[in-house]
Every structure is written in structure tokens, then in C-alpha cells.
PDB file of N, CA and C in Angstrom:
ATOM      1  N   ASP A   1      56.276 167.240  83.366  1.00  0.00           N
ATOM      2  CA  ASP A   1      57.230 166.755  84.348  1.00  0.00           C
ATOM      3  C   ASP A   1      57.360 167.746  85.493  1.00  0.00           C
ATOM      4  N   GLU A   2      57.805 167.225  86.612  1.00  0.00           N
ATOM      5  CA  GLU A   2      58.004 168.065  87.792  1.00  0.00           C
ATOM      6  C   GLU A   2      59.464 168.017  88.221  1.00  0.00           C
ATOM      7  N   GLY A   3      59.837 168.920  89.117  1.00  0.00           N
ATOM      8  CA  GLY A   3      61.195 168.954  89.643  1.00  0.00           C
ATOM      9  C   GLY A   3      62.212 169.228  88.559  1.00  0.00           C
ATOM     10  N   VAL A   4      63.389 168.580  88.695  1.00  0.00           N
ATOM     11  CA  VAL A   4      64.462 168.828  87.728  1.00  0.00           C
ATOM     12  C   VAL A   4      64.087 168.366  86.330  1.00  0.00           C
ATOM     13  N   ASN A   5      63.205 167.372  86.241  1.00  0.00           N
ATOM     14  CA  ASN A   5      62.782 166.895  84.920  1.00  0.00           C
ATOM     15  C   ASN A   5      61.964 167.947  84.176  1.00  0.00           C
ATOM     16  N   GLY A   6      61.304 168.833  84.912  1.00  0.00           N
ATOM     17  CA  GLY A   6      60.466 169.854  84.299  1.00  0.00           C
ATOM     18  C   GLY A   6      61.183 171.162  84.024  1.00  0.00           C
ATOM     19  N   LYS A   7      62.426 171.264  84.441  1.00  0.00           N
ATOM     20  CA  LYS A   7      63.190 172.496  84.222  1.00  0.00           C
ATOM     21  C   LYS A   7      64.070 172.328  82.988  1.00  0.00           C
ATOM     22  N   ILE A   8      63.767 173.118  81.980  1.00  0.00           N
ATOM     23  CA  ILE A   8      64.496 173.035  80.713  1.00  0.00           C
ATOM     24  C   ILE A   8      65.543 174.146  80.660  1.00  0.00           C
ATOM     25  N   PHE A   9      66.716 173.806  80.173  1.00  0.00           N
ATOM     26  CA  PHE A   9      67.708 174.846  79.911  1.00  0.00           C
ATOM     27  C   PHE A   9      68.181 174.714  78.470  1.00  0.00           C
ATOM     28  N   TYR A  10      68.656 175.835  77.937  1.00  0.00           N
ATOM     29  CA  TYR A  10      69.023 175.935  76.532  1.00  0.00           C
ATOM     30  C   TYR A  10      70.469 176.386  76.419  1.00  0.00           C
ATOM     31  N   PHE A  11      71.144 175.888  75.399  1.00  0.00           N
ATOM     32  CA  PHE A  11      72.502 176.367  75.138  1.00  0.00           C
ATOM     33  C   PHE A  11      72.818 176.239  73.655  1.00  0.00           C
ATOM     34  N   ILE A  12      73.741 177.086  73.214  1.00  0.00           N
ATOM     35  CA  ILE A  12      74.247 177.008  71.843  1.00  0.00           C
ATOM     36  C   ILE A  12      75.380 176.002  71.868  1.00  0.00           C
ATOM     37  N   ARG A  13      75.273 174.993  71.023  1.00  0.00           N
ATOM     38  CA  ARG A  13      76.187 173.855  71.096  1.00  0.00           C
ATOM     39  C   ARG A  13      77.644 174.231  70.856  1.00  0.00           C
ATOM     40  N   SER A  14      77.916 175.189  69.985  1.00  0.00           N
ATOM     41  CA  SER A  14      79.292 175.627  69.758  1.00  0.00           C
ATOM     42  C   SER A  14      79.383 177.126  70.035  1.00  0.00           C
ATOM     43  N   GLN A  15      80.587 177.602  70.235  1.00  0.00           N
ATOM     44  CA  GLN A  15      80.781 179.030  70.491  1.00  0.00           C
ATOM     45  C   GLN A  15      80.250 179.843  69.322  1.00  0.00           C
ATOM     46  N   SER A  16      79.600 180.940  69.630  1.00  0.00           N
ATOM     47  CA  SER A  16      79.075 181.811  68.587  1.00  0.00           C
ATOM     48  C   SER A  16      79.592 183.226  68.805  1.00  0.00           C
ATOM     49  N   GLU A  17      80.194 183.757  67.778  1.00  0.00           N
ATOM     50  CA  GLU A  17      80.724 185.118  67.834  1.00  0.00           C
ATOM     51  C   GLU A  17      79.599 186.152  67.852  1.00  0.00           C
ATOM     52  N   TYR A  18      78.465 185.806  67.244  1.00  0.00           N
ATOM     53  CA  TYR A  18      77.407 186.788  67.032  1.00  0.00           C
ATOM     54  C   TYR A  18      76.168 186.608  67.909  1.00  0.00           C
ATOM     55  N   PHE A  19      75.972 185.431  68.482  1.00  0.00           N
ATOM     56  CA  PHE A  19      74.722 185.162  69.186  1.00  0.00           C
ATOM     57  C   PHE A  19      74.963 184.591  70.575  1.00  0.00           C
ATOM     58  N   ARG A  20      73.986 184.854  71.451  1.00  0.00           N
ATOM     59  CA  ARG A  20      73.970 184.242  72.780  1.00  0.00           C
ATOM     60  C   ARG A  20      72.531 183.834  73.061  1.00  0.00           C
ATOM     61  N   ILE A  21      72.348 182.966  74.046  1.00  0.00           N
ATOM     62  CA  ILE A  21      71.011 182.473  74.351  1.00  0.00           C
ATOM     63  C   ILE A  21      70.754 182.573  75.848  1.00  0.00           C
ATOM     64  N   ASN A  22      69.539 182.919  76.211  1.00  0.00           N
ATOM     65  CA  ASN A  22      69.124 182.914  77.611  1.00  0.00           C
ATOM     66  C   ASN A  22      68.879 181.453  77.972  1.00  0.00           C
ATOM     67  N   SER A  23      69.657 180.931  78.906  1.00  0.00           N
ATOM     68  CA  SER A  23      69.585 179.503  79.214  1.00  0.00           C
ATOM     69  C   SER A  23      68.259 179.084  79.838  1.00  0.00           C
ATOM     70  N   SER A  24      67.521 180.023  80.404  1.00  0.00           N
ATOM     71  CA  SER A  24      66.230 179.696  81.024  1.00  0.00           C
ATOM     72  C   SER A  24      65.062 179.776  80.050  1.00  0.00           C
ATOM     73  N   THR A  25      65.090 180.770  79.155  1.00  0.00           N
ATOM     74  CA  THR A  25      63.943 181.002  78.269  1.00  0.00           C
ATOM     75  C   THR A  25      64.164 180.515  76.837  1.00  0.00           C
ATOM     76  N   GLY A  26      65.417 180.371  76.424  1.00  0.00           N
ATOM     77  CA  GLY A  26      65.716 179.995  75.050  1.00  0.00           C
ATOM     78  C   GLY A  26      65.724 181.175  74.094  1.00  0.00           C
ATOM     79  N   GLU A  27      65.529 182.380  74.629  1.00  0.00           N
ATOM     80  CA  GLU A  27      65.518 183.572  73.783  1.00  0.00           C
ATOM     81  C   GLU A  27      66.932 183.838  73.262  1.00  0.00           C
ATOM     82  N   VAL A  28      67.034 184.083  71.945  1.00  0.00           N
ATOM     83  CA  VAL A  28      68.325 184.306  71.292  1.00  0.00           C
ATOM     84  C   VAL A  28      68.549 185.801  71.112  1.00  0.00           C
ATOM     85  N   PHE A  29      69.765 186.249  71.389  1.00  0.00           N
ATOM     86  CA  PHE A  29      70.148 187.657  71.275  1.00  0.00           C
ATOM     87  C   PHE A  29      71.384 187.773  70.393  1.00  0.00           C
ATOM     88  N   VAL A  30      71.556 188.936  69.756  1.00  0.00           N
ATOM     89  CA  VAL A  30      72.789 189.202  69.020  1.00  0.00           C
ATOM     90  C   VAL A  30      73.788 189.857  69.967  1.00  0.00           C
ATOM     91  N   LYS A  31      75.042 189.464  69.851  1.00  0.00           N
ATOM     92  CA  LYS A  31      76.107 190.039  70.674  1.00  0.00           C
ATOM     93  C   LYS A  31      76.627 191.342  70.085  1.00  0.00           C
ATOM     94  N   GLN A  32      76.534 191.461  68.771  1.00  0.00           N
ATOM     95  CA  GLN A  32      77.029 192.644  68.077  1.00  0.00           C
ATOM     96  C   GLN A  32      76.169 192.875  66.843  1.00  0.00           C
ATOM     97  N   GLN A  33      76.263 194.051  66.287  1.00  0.00           N
ATOM     98  CA  GLN A  33      75.458 194.397  65.122  1.00  0.00           C
ATOM     99  C   GLN A  33      75.823 193.494  63.946  1.00  0.00           C
ATOM    100  N   LEU A  34      74.787 193.002  63.265  1.00  0.00           N
ATOM    101  CA  LEU A  34      74.992 192.181  62.077  1.00  0.00           C
ATOM    102  C   LEU A  34      74.861 193.071  60.854  1.00  0.00           C
ATOM    103  N   LYS A  35      75.818 192.998  59.970  1.00  0.00           N
ATOM    104  CA  LYS A  35      75.800 193.860  58.786  1.00  0.00           C
ATOM    105  C   LYS A  35      75.754 193.011  57.528  1.00  0.00           C
ATOM    106  N   TYR A  36      74.975 193.491  56.573  1.00  0.00           N
ATOM    107  CA  TYR A  36      74.924 192.848  55.266  1.00  0.00           C
ATOM    108  C   TYR A  36      76.231 193.124  54.546  1.00  0.00           C
ATOM    109  N   GLN A  37      76.800 192.098  53.933  1.00  0.00           N
ATOM    110  CA  GLN A  37      78.028 192.270  53.169  1.00  0.00           C
ATOM    111  C   GLN A  37      77.775 191.837  51.741  1.00  0.00           C
ATOM    112  N   ASN A  38      78.272 192.608  50.806  1.00  0.00           N
ATOM    113  CA  ASN A  38      78.134 192.255  49.399  1.00  0.00           C
ATOM    114  C   ASN A  38      78.877 190.953  49.160  1.00  0.00           C
ATOM    115  N   SER A  39      78.172 189.949  48.680  1.00  0.00           N
ATOM    116  CA  SER A  39      78.772 188.622  48.535  1.00  0.00           C
ATOM    117  C   SER A  39      79.354 188.372  47.149  1.00  0.00           C
ATOM    118  N   THR A  40      79.508 189.406  46.329  1.00  0.00           N
ATOM    119  CA  THR A  40      80.100 189.244  45.004  1.00  0.00           C
ATOM    120  C   THR A  40      81.512 188.689  45.146  1.00  0.00           C
ATOM    121  N   GLY A  41      81.789 187.651  44.422  1.00  0.00           N
ATOM    122  CA  GLY A  41      83.127 187.063  44.458  1.00  0.00           C
ATOM    123  C   GLY A  41      83.350 186.125  45.623  1.00  0.00           C
ATOM    124  N   ALA A  42      82.320 185.835  46.395  1.00  0.00           N
ATOM    125  CA  ALA A  42      82.479 184.944  47.544  1.00  0.00           C
ATOM    126  C   ALA A  42      82.271 183.485  47.160  1.00  0.00           C
ATOM    127  N   GLY A  43      82.040 183.205  45.877  1.00  0.00           N
ATOM    128  CA  GLY A  43      81.806 181.831  45.449  1.00  0.00           C
ATOM    129  C   GLY A  43      80.478 181.332  45.979  1.00  0.00           C
ATOM    130  N   SER A  44      80.460 180.106  46.469  1.00  0.00           N
ATOM    131  CA  SER A  44      79.212 179.529  46.979  1.00  0.00           C
ATOM    132  C   SER A  44      78.993 179.852  48.456  1.00  0.00           C
ATOM    133  N   LEU A  45      79.934 180.518  49.081  1.00  0.00           N
ATOM    134  CA  LEU A  45      79.819 180.856  50.495  1.00  0.00           C
ATOM    135  C   LEU A  45      78.842 182.003  50.693  1.00  0.00           C
ATOM    136  N   ASN A  46      77.828 181.794  51.522  1.00  0.00           N
ATOM    137  CA  ASN A  46      76.854 182.852  51.809  1.00  0.00           C
ATOM    138  C   ASN A  46      77.271 183.539  53.103  1.00  0.00           C
ATOM    139  N   ILE A  47      77.934 184.677  52.979  1.00  0.00           N
ATOM    140  CA  ILE A  47      78.438 185.373  54.162  1.00  0.00           C
ATOM    141  C   ILE A  47      77.343 186.123  54.901  1.00  0.00           C
ATOM    142  N   ASN A  48      76.140 186.135  54.348  1.00  0.00           N
ATOM    143  CA  ASN A  48      75.019 186.822  54.986  1.00  0.00           C
ATOM    144  C   ASN A  48      74.080 185.844  55.680  1.00  0.00           C
ATOM    145  N   ARG A  49      74.543 184.646  55.927  1.00  0.00           N
ATOM    146  CA  ARG A  49      73.756 183.635  56.625  1.00  0.00           C
ATOM    147  C   ARG A  49      74.569 183.123  57.811  1.00  0.00           C
ATOM    148  N   HIS A  50      73.938 183.094  58.953  1.00  0.00           N
ATOM    149  CA  HIS A  50      74.559 182.549  60.154  1.00  0.00           C
ATOM    150  C   HIS A  50      73.711 181.370  60.601  1.00  0.00           C
ATOM    151  N   SER A  51      74.350 180.300  61.003  1.00  0.00           N
ATOM    152  CA  SER A  51      73.597 179.173  61.537  1.00  0.00           C
ATOM    153  C   SER A  51      74.320 178.625  62.761  1.00  0.00           C
ATOM    154  N   PHE A  52      73.535 178.124  63.681  1.00  0.00           N
ATOM    155  CA  PHE A  52      74.078 177.521  64.885  1.00  0.00           C
ATOM    156  C   PHE A  52      73.055 176.536  65.430  1.00  0.00           C
ATOM    157  N   ILE A  53      73.528 175.626  66.256  1.00  0.00           N
ATOM    158  CA  ILE A  53      72.658 174.594  66.812  1.00  0.00           C
ATOM    159  C   ILE A  53      72.325 174.942  68.251  1.00  0.00           C
ATOM    160  N   VAL A  54      71.029 174.941  68.560  1.00  0.00           N
ATOM    161  CA  VAL A  54      70.555 175.164  69.923  1.00  0.00           C
ATOM    162  C   VAL A  54      70.093 173.823  70.483  1.00  0.00           C
ATOM    163  N   THR A  55      70.534 173.530  71.690  1.00  0.00           N
ATOM    164  CA  THR A  55      70.129 172.311  72.381  1.00  0.00           C
ATOM    165  C   THR A  55      69.268 172.683  73.574  1.00  0.00           C
ATOM    166  N   ALA A  56      68.181 171.944  73.757  1.00  0.00           N
ATOM    167  CA  ALA A  56      67.319 172.086  74.932  1.00  0.00           C
ATOM    168  C   ALA A  56      67.428 170.786  75.717  1.00  0.00           C
ATOM    169  N   SER A  57      67.559 170.905  77.029  1.00  0.00           N
ATOM    170  CA  SER A  57      67.736 169.723  77.858  1.00  0.00           C
ATOM    171  C   SER A  57      67.051 169.921  79.198  1.00  0.00           C
ATOM    172  N   ASP A  58      66.582 168.811  79.771  1.00  0.00           N
ATOM    173  CA  ASP A  58      66.103 168.905  81.148  1.00  0.00           C
ATOM    174  C   ASP A  58      67.286 168.622  82.069  1.00  0.00           C
ATOM    175  N   ARG A  59      67.060 168.664  83.368  1.00  0.00           N
ATOM    176  CA  ARG A  59      68.156 168.500  84.322  1.00  0.00           C
ATOM    177  C   ARG A  59      68.072 167.157  85.058  1.00  0.00           C
ATOM    178  N   ALA A  60      67.469 166.180  84.420  1.00  0.00           N
ATOM    179  CA  ALA A  60      67.332 164.858  85.029  1.00  0.00           C
ATOM    180  C   ALA A  60      68.683 164.152  85.088  1.00  0.00           C
ATOM    181  N   VAL A  61      68.739 163.056  85.863  1.00  0.00           N
ATOM    182  CA  VAL A  61      69.965 162.265  85.955  1.00  0.00           C
ATOM    183  C   VAL A  61      70.343 161.741  84.571  1.00  0.00           C
ATOM    184  N   LYS A  62      69.342 161.256  83.842  1.00  0.00           N
ATOM    185  CA  LYS A  62      69.538 160.870  82.441  1.00  0.00           C
ATOM    186  C   LYS A  62      68.760 161.885  81.607  1.00  0.00           C
ATOM    187  N   PRO A  63      69.395 163.010  81.275  1.00  0.00           N
ATOM    188  CA  PRO A  63      68.653 164.113  80.647  1.00  0.00           C
ATOM    189  C   PRO A  63      68.126 163.767  79.256  1.00  0.00           C
ATOM    190  N   LEU A  64      66.948 164.308  78.977  1.00  0.00           N
ATOM    191  CA  LEU A  64      66.389 164.259  77.635  1.00  0.00           C
ATOM    192  C   LEU A  64      66.823 165.527  76.924  1.00  0.00           C
ATOM    193  N   MET A  65      67.231 165.386  75.668  1.00  0.00           N
ATOM    194  CA  MET A  65      67.721 166.532  74.906  1.00  0.00           C
ATOM    195  C   MET A  65      67.076 166.567  73.530  1.00  0.00           C
ATOM    196  N   SER A  66      67.000 167.767  72.991  1.00  0.00           N
ATOM    197  CA  SER A  66      66.544 167.960  71.623  1.00  0.00           C
ATOM    198  C   SER A  66      67.339 169.113  71.032  1.00  0.00           C
ATOM    199  N   GLU A  67      67.593 169.045  69.731  1.00  0.00           N
ATOM    200  CA  GLU A  67      68.376 170.079  69.068  1.00  0.00           C
ATOM    201  C   GLU A  67      67.648 170.591  67.837  1.00  0.00           C
ATOM    202  N   THR A  68      67.962 171.824  67.490  1.00  0.00           N
ATOM    203  CA  THR A  68      67.480 172.387  66.235  1.00  0.00           C
ATOM    204  C   THR A  68      68.538 173.333  65.689  1.00  0.00           C
ATOM    205  N   THR A  69      68.551 173.475  64.392  1.00  0.00           N
ATOM    206  CA  THR A  69      69.458 174.421  63.751  1.00  0.00           C
ATOM    207  C   THR A  69      68.724 175.734  63.554  1.00  0.00           C
ATOM    208  N   VAL A  70      69.329 176.805  64.026  1.00  0.00           N
ATOM    209  CA  VAL A  70      68.781 178.150  63.855  1.00  0.00           C
ATOM    210  C   VAL A  70      69.545 178.802  62.711  1.00  0.00           C
ATOM    211  N   ILE A  71      68.805 179.325  61.733  1.00  0.00           N
ATOM    212  CA  ILE A  71      69.425 180.004  60.591  1.00  0.00           C
ATOM    213  C   ILE A  71      68.963 181.454  60.593  1.00  0.00           C
ATOM    214  N   VAL A  72      69.923 182.373  60.548  1.00  0.00           N
ATOM    215  CA  VAL A  72      69.638 183.808  60.507  1.00  0.00           C
ATOM    216  C   VAL A  72      70.168 184.337  59.182  1.00  0.00           C
ATOM    217  N   ASN A  73      69.267 184.854  58.349  1.00  0.00           N
ATOM    218  CA  ASN A  73      69.651 185.448  57.068  1.00  0.00           C
ATOM    219  C   ASN A  73      69.681 186.964  57.206  1.00  0.00           C
ATOM    220  N   ILE A  74      70.781 187.575  56.797  1.00  0.00           N
ATOM    221  CA  ILE A  74      70.919 189.025  56.820  1.00  0.00           C
ATOM    222  C   ILE A  74      70.535 189.536  55.435  1.00  0.00           C
ATOM    223  N   VAL A  75      69.574 190.456  55.387  1.00  0.00           N
ATOM    224  CA  VAL A  75      69.135 191.001  54.102  1.00  0.00           C
ATOM    225  C   VAL A  75      69.576 192.454  53.988  1.00  0.00           C
ATOM    226  N   ASP A  76      69.793 192.859  52.763  1.00  0.00           N
ATOM    227  CA  ASP A  76      70.224 194.226  52.492  1.00  0.00           C
ATOM    228  C   ASP A  76      69.042 195.171  52.640  1.00  0.00           C
ATOM    229  N   SER A  77      69.294 196.302  53.212  1.00  0.00           N
ATOM    230  CA  SER A  77      68.277 197.353  53.278  1.00  0.00           C
ATOM    231  C   SER A  77      68.969 198.682  53.011  1.00  0.00           C
ATOM    232  N   ASN A  78      68.208 199.611  52.531  1.00  0.00           N
ATOM    233  CA  ASN A  78      68.766 200.927  52.259  1.00  0.00           C
ATOM    234  C   ASN A  78      68.827 201.690  53.576  1.00  0.00           C
ATOM    235  N   ASP A  79      69.995 201.683  54.186  1.00  0.00           N
ATOM    236  CA  ASP A  79      70.162 202.377  55.461  1.00  0.00           C
ATOM    237  C   ASP A  79      70.903 203.707  55.297  1.00  0.00           C
ATOM    238  N   ASN A  80      70.965 204.178  54.054  1.00  0.00           N
ATOM    239  CA  ASN A  80      71.604 205.466  53.786  1.00  0.00           C
ATOM    240  C   ASN A  80      70.548 206.560  53.725  1.00  0.00           C
ATOM    241  N   PRO A  81      70.858 207.732  54.266  1.00  0.00           N
ATOM    242  CA  PRO A  81      69.888 208.831  54.176  1.00  0.00           C
ATOM    243  C   PRO A  81      69.748 209.287  52.727  1.00  0.00           C
ATOM    244  N   PRO A  82      68.582 209.792  52.358  1.00  0.00           N
ATOM    245  CA  PRO A  82      68.409 210.259  50.973  1.00  0.00           C
ATOM    246  C   PRO A  82      69.311 211.458  50.688  1.00  0.00           C
ATOM    247  N   GLU A  83      69.740 211.546  49.443  1.00  0.00           N
ATOM    248  CA  GLU A  83      70.557 212.677  49.013  1.00  0.00           C
ATOM    249  C   GLU A  83      69.805 213.430  47.923  1.00  0.00           C
ATOM    250  N   PHE A  84      69.721 214.742  48.060  1.00  0.00           N
ATOM    251  CA  PHE A  84      69.051 215.595  47.083  1.00  0.00           C
ATOM    252  C   PHE A  84      70.085 216.526  46.471  1.00  0.00           C
ATOM    253  N   ASP A  85      70.103 216.570  45.128  1.00  0.00           N
ATOM    254  CA  ASP A  85      71.075 217.410  44.426  1.00  0.00           C
ATOM    255  C   ASP A  85      70.667 218.875  44.397  1.00  0.00           C
ATOM    256  N   SER A  86      69.389 219.126  44.475  1.00  0.00           N
ATOM    257  CA  SER A  86      68.876 220.488  44.390  1.00  0.00           C
ATOM    258  C   SER A  86      68.220 220.853  45.724  1.00  0.00           C
ATOM    259  N   PRO A  87      68.282 222.138  46.114  1.00  0.00           N
ATOM    260  CA  PRO A  87      67.663 222.533  47.383  1.00  0.00           C
ATOM    261  C   PRO A  87      66.136 222.497  47.340  1.00  0.00           C
ATOM    262  N   SER A  88      65.540 222.557  46.141  1.00  0.00           N
ATOM    263  CA  SER A  88      64.077 222.470  46.026  1.00  0.00           C
ATOM    264  C   SER A  88      63.710 221.849  44.690  1.00  0.00           C
ATOM    265  N   TYR A  89      62.501 221.304  44.633  1.00  0.00           N
ATOM    266  CA  TYR A  89      62.005 220.661  43.418  1.00  0.00           C
ATOM    267  C   TYR A  89      60.602 221.179  43.138  1.00  0.00           C
ATOM    268  N   PHE A  90      60.232 221.205  41.855  1.00  0.00           N
ATOM    269  CA  PHE A  90      58.918 221.687  41.458  1.00  0.00           C
ATOM    270  C   PHE A  90      58.336 220.735  40.427  1.00  0.00           C
ATOM    271  N   THR A  91      57.069 220.413  40.593  1.00  0.00           N
ATOM    272  CA  THR A  91      56.346 219.657  39.575  1.00  0.00           C
ATOM    273  C   THR A  91      54.890 220.105  39.596  1.00  0.00           C
ATOM    274  N   PRO A  92      54.314 220.338  38.438  1.00  0.00           N
ATOM    275  CA  PRO A  92      52.909 220.773  38.416  1.00  0.00           C
ATOM    276  C   PRO A  92      51.978 219.598  38.731  1.00  0.00           C
ATOM    277  N   VAL A  93      50.864 219.918  39.384  1.00  0.00           N
ATOM    278  CA  VAL A  93      49.830 218.931  39.694  1.00  0.00           C
ATOM    279  C   VAL A  93      48.527 219.455  39.122  1.00  0.00           C
ATOM    280  N   THR A  94      47.882 218.655  38.309  1.00  0.00           N
ATOM    281  CA  THR A  94      46.633 219.098  37.679  1.00  0.00           C
ATOM    282  C   THR A  94      45.476 219.044  38.666  1.00  0.00           C
ATOM    283  N   LYS A  95      44.412 219.771  38.347  1.00  0.00           N
ATOM    284  CA  LYS A  95      43.231 219.822  39.222  1.00  0.00           C
ATOM    285  C   LYS A  95      42.562 218.462  39.375  1.00  0.00           C
ATOM    286  N   SER A  96      42.643 217.637  38.377  1.00  0.00           N
ATOM    287  CA  SER A  96      41.903 216.372  38.397  1.00  0.00           C
ATOM    288  C   SER A  96      42.603 215.258  39.185  1.00  0.00           C
ATOM    289  N   VAL A  97      43.782 215.507  39.700  1.00  0.00           N
ATOM    290  CA  VAL A  97      44.502 214.482  40.459  1.00  0.00           C
ATOM    291  C   VAL A  97      43.837 214.292  41.815  1.00  0.00           C
ATOM    292  N   LYS A  98      43.536 213.014  42.145  1.00  0.00           N
ATOM    293  CA  LYS A  98      42.917 212.726  43.440  1.00  0.00           C
ATOM    294  C   LYS A  98      43.991 212.670  44.516  1.00  0.00           C
ATOM    295  N   VAL A  99      43.656 213.227  45.642  1.00  0.00           N
ATOM    296  CA  VAL A  99      44.590 213.253  46.757  1.00  0.00           C
ATOM    297  C   VAL A  99      44.157 212.248  47.792  1.00  0.00           C
TER     298      VAL A  99
END
């Protein structure tokens, strides 16, 4: 398509506390850091999953639109620095060990 029919814009259908979208490119960004939360005791609610609906539309008088659901899963990672109880460690290595 050409003209306004060929220009697509994107938007998140409902307000999102955590995400925003570039209306020209459709690129999704986080507004704030997403943190994994221990979901023990949360029942069936998955607090580590965010979902929102993105709509793409042209700018025609009778616009064509399409929607998709975006799902973002937050996974746990070890983001803590290692802790060592001793200032040094020793272990023997035999001659036959391949390096």
C-alpha cells in the first residue's frame, strides 16, 4: 500500500505499567526493571508473567487492524555475587589430568 494506507502504527491496547511501544517501529521497551519474584503461596497466579495486547493499524479512513498478545516470562537467575568462606582453597591435581 501507499500513502496513509502504507503507514503502520502500533500501540498497546491497555495501559502498561512495565512496557511501552515505539508507535512507528513496533519495538517494545521496558519502562522499569523487571524482577523475578518467588511465587510460593501465590496460588495459580503467575506473578512472573506479563501479557499485553499490541495492535497494529494503518492510517486509512477505514483502518485495517491486527492484534497479538505479547507474553513476557521473567525467569530466575543467580544475580548474587559468589561468596567464599575461606580466603584461599587448595586441591591437588594429578599429572594425568588433561587441561
